[in-house]
Amino acid sequence: MLSVLLTPWFPLCLGAALACWPAAPTRLQAAVEPPTTFRVPDAWAAIRWLLPATSAGVLAGAGGAIAAGVLTLAWHQERQAHRRTAADIELAAHTATALRTMVSELRSGAHPVTAAEAAAEVVPPVAGDLRALATSARLDGDLKAPALPELAAAWTLAKRHGLPMADVLEATRRDAEATLTFARRTRAKLAGPRASAAVLTALPALCIALGQVMGASPLEVLTESTPGQLLLVVGSILLWAGTAWCRALTGRVKLR
């Protein structure tokens, strides 16, 4: 009876699959839309998220799996914050270099469009935004650059009010370099507190290892008893909260 009921579903599902099969892209779609492919780094990122929790679950039970997941989240957030800060400082350095190049070109008598194209050759990481600004200025359009908002604003200001482009960009360059210097000094001064926070975060693991060496057997308590499992979860949440609080305190100073 079950086989009779299931038999019609096979051709129906096959027909639905064929009806939903994606058609070959046209030339316009192939030129405009980027191809969507499955990337191996995405799968590897999922594995990196699941592997610590899975391994801890096998070795330390459900509490260990939850604790490993929370600590993995804390590590990921710390890494993202570090990368974001480094990217902001690098972008500020590129902005200052682009402005310096444009000012030099303008002082030598070059057109702003030519100066922007010259800066694009000098600073490849922001070449796309510089060329977009040059194209917009050539076509008398709105000057927009997501990576270089200071340059776009200064260029728009000089264009709207008829101000000397070199003077406006020179003032913007000085401001950008001052911001970059302040950001680098702030990051250097915060290196000590961040190192102290990292040591305090790793201290519980060191204490557990020391207790295990002394014969107190904290690992057995944490992995083989219900109170120990709860302590693992609560401790990991407190460690995550500590890293988040430290990140909030040291991340109040922004470049922009």
C-alpha atoms as a PDB file:
ATOM      1  CA  MET A   1       0.000   0.000   0.000  1.00  0.00           C
ATOM      2  CA  LEU A   2       2.852   2.402   0.898  1.00  0.00           C
ATOM      3  CA  SER A   3       4.626   1.724  -2.369  1.00  0.00           C
ATOM      4  CA  VAL A   4       1.440   2.495  -4.305  1.00  0.00           C
ATOM      5  CA  LEU A   5       1.064   5.855  -2.537  1.00  0.00           C
ATOM      6  CA  LEU A   6       4.703   6.810  -3.015  1.00  0.00           C
ATOM      7  CA  THR A   7       4.915   5.805  -6.677  1.00  0.00           C
ATOM      8  CA  PRO A   8       3.221   8.964  -8.121  1.00  0.00           C
ATOM      9  CA  TRP A   9       5.483  11.242  -6.084  1.00  0.00           C
ATOM     10  CA  PHE A  10       8.618  10.255  -7.983  1.00  0.00           C
ATOM     11  CA  PRO A  11       7.551  11.613 -11.406  1.00  0.00           C
ATOM     12  CA  LEU A  12       6.007  14.676  -9.739  1.00  0.00           C
ATOM     13  CA  CYS A  13       9.227  15.511  -7.895  1.00  0.00           C
ATOM     14  CA  LEU A  14      11.264  14.828 -11.014  1.00  0.00           C
ATOM     15  CA  GLY A  15       9.031  17.160 -13.046  1.00  0.00           C
ATOM     16  CA  ALA A  16       9.266  19.894 -10.395  1.00  0.00           C
ATOM     17  CA  ALA A  17      13.048  19.572 -10.338  1.00  0.00           C
ATOM     18  CA  LEU A  18      13.240  19.871 -14.116  1.00  0.00           C
ATOM     19  CA  ALA A  19      10.881  22.863 -14.062  1.00  0.00           C
ATOM     20  CA  CYS A  20      13.056  24.622 -11.476  1.00  0.00           C
ATOM     21  CA  TRP A  21      16.306  23.823 -13.261  1.00  0.00           C
ATOM     22  CA  PRO A  22      18.167  27.129 -13.834  1.00  0.00           C
ATOM     23  CA  ALA A  23      18.345  28.282 -17.403  1.00  0.00           C
ATOM     24  CA  ALA A  24      21.590  29.166 -19.104  1.00  0.00           C
ATOM     25  CA  PRO A  25      22.500  32.824 -18.518  1.00  0.00           C
ATOM     26  CA  THR A  26      22.182  35.268 -21.371  1.00  0.00           C
ATOM     27  CA  ARG A  27      25.113  37.356 -22.562  1.00  0.00           C
ATOM     28  CA  LEU A  28      23.841  40.362 -20.621  1.00  0.00           C
ATOM     29  CA  GLN A  29      23.501  38.369 -17.393  1.00  0.00           C
ATOM     30  CA  ALA A  30      26.938  36.841 -17.868  1.00  0.00           C
ATOM     31  CA  ALA A  31      28.441  40.311 -18.338  1.00  0.00           C
ATOM     32  CA  VAL A  32      26.630  42.023 -15.464  1.00  0.00           C
ATOM     33  CA  GLU A  33      26.031  39.395 -12.787  1.00  0.00           C
ATOM     34  CA  PRO A  34      29.049  37.783 -11.134  1.00  0.00           C
ATOM     35  CA  PRO A  35      29.082  33.974 -11.187  1.00  0.00           C
ATOM     36  CA  THR A  36      27.867  32.323  -7.986  1.00  0.00           C
ATOM     37  CA  THR A  37      30.147  29.491  -7.015  1.00  0.00           C
ATOM     38  CA  PHE A  38      30.592  27.482  -3.856  1.00  0.00           C
ATOM     39  CA  ARG A  39      33.759  28.589  -2.174  1.00  0.00           C
ATOM     40  CA  VAL A  40      35.872  26.187  -0.136  1.00  0.00           C
ATOM     41  CA  PRO A  41      36.820  28.886   2.458  1.00  0.00           C
ATOM     42  CA  ASP A  42      33.122  29.158   3.412  1.00  0.00           C
ATOM     43  CA  ALA A  43      32.987  25.447   4.229  1.00  0.00           C
ATOM     44  CA  TRP A  44      36.281  25.701   6.070  1.00  0.00           C
ATOM     45  CA  ALA A  45      34.901  28.600   8.147  1.00  0.00           C
ATOM     46  CA  ALA A  46      31.936  26.439   9.190  1.00  0.00           C
ATOM     47  CA  ILE A  47      34.298  23.614  10.101  1.00  0.00           C
ATOM     48  CA  ARG A  48      36.408  25.971  12.194  1.00  0.00           C
ATOM     49  CA  TRP A  49      33.283  27.041  14.070  1.00  0.00           C
ATOM     50  CA  LEU A  50      31.983  23.513  14.681  1.00  0.00           C
ATOM     51  CA  LEU A  51      35.225  21.606  15.263  1.00  0.00           C
ATOM     52  CA  PRO A  52      36.129  23.071  18.710  1.00  0.00           C
ATOM     53  CA  ALA A  53      32.611  22.573  20.083  1.00  0.00           C
ATOM     54  CA  THR A  54      32.385  19.051  18.679  1.00  0.00           C
ATOM     55  CA  SER A  55      35.778  18.055  20.047  1.00  0.00           C
ATOM     56  CA  ALA A  56      35.003  19.555  23.459  1.00  0.00           C
ATOM     57  CA  GLY A  57      31.627  17.798  23.476  1.00  0.00           C
ATOM     58  CA  VAL A  58      33.313  14.439  22.937  1.00  0.00           C
ATOM     59  CA  LEU A  59      35.924  15.072  25.632  1.00  0.00           C
ATOM     60  CA  ALA A  60      33.997  17.105  28.219  1.00  0.00           C
ATOM     61  CA  GLY A  61      30.291  16.554  27.555  1.00  0.00           C
ATOM     62  CA  ALA A  62      27.562  19.065  26.793  1.00  0.00           C
ATOM     63  CA  GLY A  63      28.971  21.698  29.133  1.00  0.00           C
ATOM     64  CA  GLY A  64      32.328  21.487  27.414  1.00  0.00           C
ATOM     65  CA  ALA A  65      30.701  21.857  24.006  1.00  0.00           C
ATOM     66  CA  ILE A  66      28.814  24.983  25.098  1.00  0.00           C
ATOM     67  CA  ALA A  67      31.919  26.414  26.747  1.00  0.00           C
ATOM     68  CA  ALA A  68      33.993  25.767  23.631  1.00  0.00           C
ATOM     69  CA  GLY A  69      31.343  27.442  21.469  1.00  0.00           C
ATOM     70  CA  VAL A  70      31.271  30.533  23.698  1.00  0.00           C
ATOM     71  CA  LEU A  71      35.062  30.780  23.790  1.00  0.00           C
ATOM     72  CA  THR A  72      35.229  30.335  20.026  1.00  0.00           C
ATOM     73  CA  LEU A  73      32.787  33.221  19.684  1.00  0.00           C
ATOM     74  CA  ALA A  74      34.927  35.378  21.974  1.00  0.00           C
ATOM     75  CA  TRP A  75      38.067  34.564  19.997  1.00  0.00           C
ATOM     76  CA  HIS A  76      36.295  35.316  16.714  1.00  0.00           C
ATOM     77  CA  GLN A  77      35.061  38.686  17.990  1.00  0.00           C
ATOM     78  CA  GLU A  78      38.517  39.634  19.256  1.00  0.00           C
ATOM     79  CA  ARG A  79      40.058  38.697  15.937  1.00  0.00           C
ATOM     80  CA  GLN A  80      37.451  40.681  14.000  1.00  0.00           C
ATOM     81  CA  ALA A  81      38.021  43.748  16.203  1.00  0.00           C
ATOM     82  CA  HIS A  82      41.780  43.520  15.674  1.00  0.00           C
ATOM     83  CA  ARG A  83      41.363  43.190  11.913  1.00  0.00           C
ATOM     84  CA  ARG A  84      38.885  46.072  11.818  1.00  0.00           C
ATOM     85  CA  THR A  85      41.267  48.368  13.677  1.00  0.00           C
ATOM     86  CA  ALA A  86      44.187  47.419  11.450  1.00  0.00           C
ATOM     87  CA  ALA A  87      42.050  47.938   8.326  1.00  0.00           C
ATOM     88  CA  ASP A  88      40.913  51.373   9.518  1.00  0.00           C
ATOM     89  CA  ILE A  89      44.487  52.485  10.155  1.00  0.00           C
ATOM     90  CA  GLU A  90      45.610  51.122   6.798  1.00  0.00           C
ATOM     91  CA  LEU A  91      42.764  52.917   5.022  1.00  0.00           C
ATOM     92  CA  ALA A  92      43.635  56.165   6.805  1.00  0.00           C
ATOM     93  CA  ALA A  93      47.238  55.786   5.624  1.00  0.00           C
ATOM     94  CA  HIS A  94      46.067  55.204   2.042  1.00  0.00           C
ATOM     95  CA  THR A  95      43.805  58.260   2.275  1.00  0.00           C
ATOM     96  CA  ALA A  96      46.675  60.463   3.436  1.00  0.00           C
ATOM     97  CA  THR A  97      48.922  59.165   0.654  1.00  0.00           C
ATOM     98  CA  ALA A  98      46.263  59.750  -1.994  1.00  0.00           C
ATOM     99  CA  LEU A  99      45.650  63.289  -0.767  1.00  0.00           C
ATOM    100  CA  ARG A 100      49.375  64.022  -0.680  1.00  0.00           C
ATOM    101  CA  THR A 101      49.768  62.780  -4.248  1.00  0.00           C
ATOM    102  CA  MET A 102      46.811  64.806  -5.501  1.00  0.00           C
ATOM    103  CA  VAL A 103      48.050  67.975  -3.813  1.00  0.00           C
ATOM    104  CA  SER A 104      51.475  67.504  -5.385  1.00  0.00           C
ATOM    105  CA  GLU A 105      49.923  67.013  -8.819  1.00  0.00           C
ATOM    106  CA  LEU A 106      47.649  70.031  -8.409  1.00  0.00           C
ATOM    107  CA  ARG A 107      50.541  72.230  -7.275  1.00  0.00           C
ATOM    108  CA  SER A 108      52.356  71.292 -10.476  1.00  0.00           C
ATOM    109  CA  GLY A 109      49.396  72.464 -12.576  1.00  0.00           C
ATOM    110  CA  ALA A 110      47.561  69.204 -13.246  1.00  0.00           C
ATOM    111  CA  HIS A 111      43.795  68.983 -13.612  1.00  0.00           C
ATOM    112  CA  PRO A 112      41.952  67.428 -10.624  1.00  0.00           C
ATOM    113  CA  VAL A 113      40.867  64.486 -12.785  1.00  0.00           C
ATOM    114  CA  THR A 114      44.455  63.891 -13.868  1.00  0.00           C
ATOM    115  CA  ALA A 115      45.601  64.245 -10.245  1.00  0.00           C
ATOM    116  CA  ALA A 116      43.079  61.636  -9.119  1.00  0.00           C
ATOM    117  CA  GLU A 117      44.205  59.240 -11.837  1.00  0.00           C
ATOM    118  CA  ALA A 118      47.830  59.767 -10.814  1.00  0.00           C
ATOM    119  CA  ALA A 119      46.915  59.046  -7.184  1.00  0.00           C
ATOM    120  CA  ALA A 120      45.167  55.865  -8.314  1.00  0.00           C
ATOM    121  CA  GLU A 121      48.456  54.690  -9.806  1.00  0.00           C
ATOM    122  CA  VAL A 122      50.307  55.458  -6.563  1.00  0.00           C
ATOM    123  CA  VAL A 123      47.764  53.919  -4.143  1.00  0.00           C
ATOM    124  CA  PRO A 124      46.374  50.720  -5.728  1.00  0.00           C
ATOM    125  CA  PRO A 125      44.187  49.695  -2.714  1.00  0.00           C
ATOM    126  CA  VAL A 126      41.911  52.722  -3.261  1.00  0.00           C
ATOM    127  CA  ALA A 127      42.417  53.018  -7.008  1.00  0.00           C
ATOM    128  CA  GLY A 128      38.809  52.048  -7.721  1.00  0.00           C
ATOM    129  CA  ASP A 129      37.390  54.892  -5.649  1.00  0.00           C
ATOM    130  CA  LEU A 130      39.866  57.389  -7.096  1.00  0.00           C
ATOM    131  CA  ARG A 131      39.018  56.412 -10.660  1.00  0.00           C
ATOM    132  CA  ALA A 132      35.317  56.576  -9.815  1.00  0.00           C
ATOM    133  CA  LEU A 133      35.813  60.111  -8.494  1.00  0.00           C
ATOM    134  CA  ALA A 134      37.729  61.058 -11.627  1.00  0.00           C
ATOM    135  CA  THR A 135      35.002  59.650 -13.861  1.00  0.00           C
ATOM    136  CA  SER A 136      32.253  61.422 -11.909  1.00  0.00           C
ATOM    137  CA  ALA A 137      34.140  64.715 -12.059  1.00  0.00           C
ATOM    138  CA  ARG A 138      34.722  64.305 -15.781  1.00  0.00           C
ATOM    139  CA  LEU A 139      30.989  63.701 -16.339  1.00  0.00           C
ATOM    140  CA  ASP A 140      30.000  66.445 -13.847  1.00  0.00           C
ATOM    141  CA  GLY A 141      28.207  63.975 -11.563  1.00  0.00           C
ATOM    142  CA  ASP A 142      27.967  63.507  -7.819  1.00  0.00           C
ATOM    143  CA  LEU A 143      31.319  62.826  -6.194  1.00  0.00           C
ATOM    144  CA  LYS A 144      30.991  59.747  -3.998  1.00  0.00           C
ATOM    145  CA  ALA A 145      33.678  57.390  -2.686  1.00  0.00           C
ATOM    146  CA  PRO A 146      32.851  54.945   0.131  1.00  0.00           C
ATOM    147  CA  ALA A 147      36.519  54.381   0.965  1.00  0.00           C
ATOM    148  CA  LEU A 148      37.525  58.049   0.648  1.00  0.00           C
ATOM    149  CA  PRO A 149      34.715  60.157   2.110  1.00  0.00           C
ATOM    150  CA  GLU A 150      37.079  62.967   3.157  1.00  0.00           C
ATOM    151  CA  LEU A 151      38.444  63.356  -0.349  1.00  0.00           C
ATOM    152  CA  ALA A 152      34.980  63.299  -1.904  1.00  0.00           C
ATOM    153  CA  ALA A 153      33.696  65.878   0.580  1.00  0.00           C
ATOM    154  CA  ALA A 154      36.680  68.183   0.047  1.00  0.00           C
ATOM    155  CA  TRP A 155      36.411  67.895  -3.731  1.00  0.00           C
ATOM    156  CA  THR A 156      32.676  68.643  -3.606  1.00  0.00           C
ATOM    157  CA  LEU A 157      33.263  71.633  -1.324  1.00  0.00           C
ATOM    158  CA  ALA A 158      35.913  73.116  -3.613  1.00  0.00           C
ATOM    159  CA  LYS A 159      33.791  72.515  -6.691  1.00  0.00           C
ATOM    160  CA  ARG A 160      30.608  73.980  -5.182  1.00  0.00           C
ATOM    161  CA  HIS A 161      32.142  77.179  -3.777  1.00  0.00           C
ATOM    162  CA  GLY A 162      34.926  77.712  -6.320  1.00  0.00           C
ATOM    163  CA  LEU A 163      37.716  77.279  -3.779  1.00  0.00           C
ATOM    164  CA  PRO A 164      41.283  76.408  -4.763  1.00  0.00           C
ATOM    165  CA  MET A 165      41.339  72.634  -4.991  1.00  0.00           C
ATOM    166  CA  ALA A 166      44.951  72.323  -3.835  1.00  0.00           C
ATOM    167  CA  ASP A 167      44.345  74.356  -0.660  1.00  0.00           C
ATOM    168  CA  VAL A 168      41.218  72.432   0.285  1.00  0.00           C
ATOM    169  CA  LEU A 169      42.888  69.064  -0.265  1.00  0.00           C
ATOM    170  CA  GLU A 170      45.973  70.224   1.621  1.00  0.00           C
ATOM    171  CA  ALA A 171      43.836  71.042   4.667  1.00  0.00           C
ATOM    172  CA  THR A 172      42.119  67.678   4.340  1.00  0.00           C
ATOM    173  CA  ARG A 173      45.509  65.955   4.086  1.00  0.00           C
ATOM    174  CA  ARG A 174      46.744  67.584   7.279  1.00  0.00           C
ATOM    175  CA  ASP A 175      43.589  66.504   9.079  1.00  0.00           C
ATOM    176  CA  ALA A 176      43.917  62.945   7.751  1.00  0.00           C
ATOM    177  CA  GLU A 177      47.550  62.678   8.796  1.00  0.00           C
ATOM    178  CA  ALA A 178      46.756  64.045  12.258  1.00  0.00           C
ATOM    179  CA  THR A 179      43.980  61.480  12.619  1.00  0.00           C
ATOM    180  CA  LEU A 180      46.329  58.708  11.484  1.00  0.00           C
ATOM    181  CA  THR A 181      49.027  59.756  13.953  1.00  0.00           C
ATOM    182  CA  PHE A 182      46.517  59.910  16.796  1.00  0.00           C
ATOM    183  CA  ALA A 183      45.138  56.472  15.914  1.00  0.00           C
ATOM    184  CA  ARG A 184      48.596  54.894  15.839  1.00  0.00           C
ATOM    185  CA  ARG A 185      49.562  56.441  19.172  1.00  0.00           C
ATOM    186  CA  THR A 186      46.290  55.368  20.741  1.00  0.00           C
ATOM    187  CA  ARG A 187      46.729  51.812  19.509  1.00  0.00           C
ATOM    188  CA  ALA A 188      50.271  51.700  20.890  1.00  0.00           C
ATOM    189  CA  LYS A 189      49.137  53.013  24.284  1.00  0.00           C
ATOM    190  CA  LEU A 190      46.306  50.471  24.453  1.00  0.00           C
ATOM    191  CA  ALA A 191      48.642  47.559  23.745  1.00  0.00           C
ATOM    192  CA  GLY A 192      49.442  47.235  27.450  1.00  0.00           C
ATOM    193  CA  PRO A 193      45.845  47.068  28.703  1.00  0.00           C
ATOM    194  CA  ARG A 194      44.930  44.627  25.938  1.00  0.00           C
ATOM    195  CA  ALA A 195      47.861  42.386  26.843  1.00  0.00           C
ATOM    196  CA  SER A 196      46.781  42.467  30.493  1.00  0.00           C
ATOM    197  CA  ALA A 197      43.249  41.522  29.484  1.00  0.00           C
ATOM    198  CA  ALA A 198      44.589  38.614  27.422  1.00  0.00           C
ATOM    199  CA  VAL A 199      46.622  37.360  30.393  1.00  0.00           C
ATOM    200  CA  LEU A 200      43.614  37.596  32.701  1.00  0.00           C
ATOM    201  CA  THR A 201      41.489  35.732  30.167  1.00  0.00           C
ATOM    202  CA  ALA A 202      44.011  32.888  29.964  1.00  0.00           C
ATOM    203  CA  LEU A 203      44.526  32.764  33.744  1.00  0.00           C
ATOM    204  CA  PRO A 204      41.610  30.357  34.489  1.00  0.00           C
ATOM    205  CA  ALA A 205      43.019  27.788  32.066  1.00  0.00           C
ATOM    206  CA  LEU A 206      46.415  28.144  33.717  1.00  0.00           C
ATOM    207  CA  CYS A 207      44.856  27.633  37.142  1.00  0.00           C
ATOM    208  CA  ILE A 208      43.075  24.475  35.950  1.00  0.00           C
ATOM    209  CA  ALA A 209      46.353  23.116  34.551  1.00  0.00           C
ATOM    210  CA  LEU A 210      48.155  23.947  37.803  1.00  0.00           C
ATOM    211  CA  GLY A 211      45.461  22.250  39.861  1.00  0.00           C
ATOM    212  CA  GLN A 212      45.679  19.160  37.657  1.00  0.00           C
ATOM    213  CA  VAL A 213      49.450  19.005  38.141  1.00  0.00           C
ATOM    214  CA  MET A 214      49.042  19.368  41.915  1.00  0.00           C
ATOM    215  CA  GLY A 215      46.613  16.425  42.012  1.00  0.00           C
ATOM    216  CA  ALA A 216      43.393  18.320  42.731  1.00  0.00           C
ATOM    217  CA  SER A 217      41.822  16.803  39.586  1.00  0.00           C
ATOM    218  CA  PRO A 218      39.760  19.812  38.456  1.00  0.00           C
ATOM    219  CA  LEU A 219      39.272  18.300  35.012  1.00  0.00           C
ATOM    220  CA  GLU A 220      37.448  15.307  36.443  1.00  0.00           C
ATOM    221  CA  VAL A 221      35.164  17.602  38.410  1.00  0.00           C
ATOM    222  CA  LEU A 222      34.418  19.778  35.376  1.00  0.00           C
ATOM    223  CA  THR A 223      33.823  16.923  32.953  1.00  0.00           C
ATOM    224  CA  GLU A 224      32.228  14.194  35.055  1.00  0.00           C
ATOM    225  CA  SER A 225      29.796  16.021  37.341  1.00  0.00           C
ATOM    226  CA  THR A 226      26.731  18.156  36.768  1.00  0.00           C
ATOM    227  CA  PRO A 227      27.993  21.073  38.903  1.00  0.00           C
ATOM    228  CA  GLY A 228      31.259  20.959  36.960  1.00  0.00           C
ATOM    229  CA  GLN A 229      29.391  21.165  33.660  1.00  0.00           C
ATOM    230  CA  LEU A 230      27.454  24.179  34.926  1.00  0.00           C
ATOM    231  CA  LEU A 231      30.690  25.780  36.093  1.00  0.00           C
ATOM    232  CA  LEU A 232      32.164  25.297  32.617  1.00  0.00           C
ATOM    233  CA  VAL A 233      29.237  27.072  31.000  1.00  0.00           C
ATOM    234  CA  VAL A 234      29.107  29.910  33.542  1.00  0.00           C
ATOM    235  CA  GLY A 235      32.875  30.388  33.445  1.00  0.00           C
ATOM    236  CA  SER A 236      32.981  30.563  29.658  1.00  0.00           C
ATOM    237  CA  ILE A 237      30.142  33.097  29.615  1.00  0.00           C
ATOM    238  CA  LEU A 238      31.964  35.238  32.170  1.00  0.00           C
ATOM    239  CA  LEU A 239      35.154  35.067  30.102  1.00  0.00           C
ATOM    240  CA  TRP A 240      33.235  36.129  27.007  1.00  0.00           C
ATOM    241  CA  ALA A 241      31.631  38.996  28.943  1.00  0.00           C
ATOM    242  CA  GLY A 242      35.062  40.091  30.181  1.00  0.00           C
ATOM    243  CA  THR A 243      36.520  40.176  26.679  1.00  0.00           C
ATOM    244  CA  ALA A 244      33.475  42.047  25.376  1.00  0.00           C
ATOM    245  CA  TRP A 245      33.723  44.623  28.171  1.00  0.00           C
ATOM    246  CA  CYS A 246      37.451  45.126  27.593  1.00  0.00           C
ATOM    247  CA  ARG A 247      36.835  45.458  23.861  1.00  0.00           C
ATOM    248  CA  ALA A 248      34.136  48.055  24.531  1.00  0.00           C
ATOM    249  CA  LEU A 249      36.460  50.066  26.774  1.00  0.00           C
ATOM    250  CA  THR A 250      39.464  50.007  24.434  1.00  0.00           C
ATOM    251  CA  GLY A 251      37.407  50.480  21.282  1.00  0.00           C
ATOM    252  CA  ARG A 252      35.741  53.758  22.171  1.00  0.00           C
ATOM    253  CA  VAL A 253      38.305  55.765  20.216  1.00  0.00           C
ATOM    254  CA  LYS A 254      37.323  55.671  16.545  1.00  0.00           C
ATOM    255  CA  LEU A 255      39.163  56.925  13.505  1.00  0.00           C
ATOM    256  CA  ARG A 256      36.035  58.374  11.896  1.00  0.00           C
END
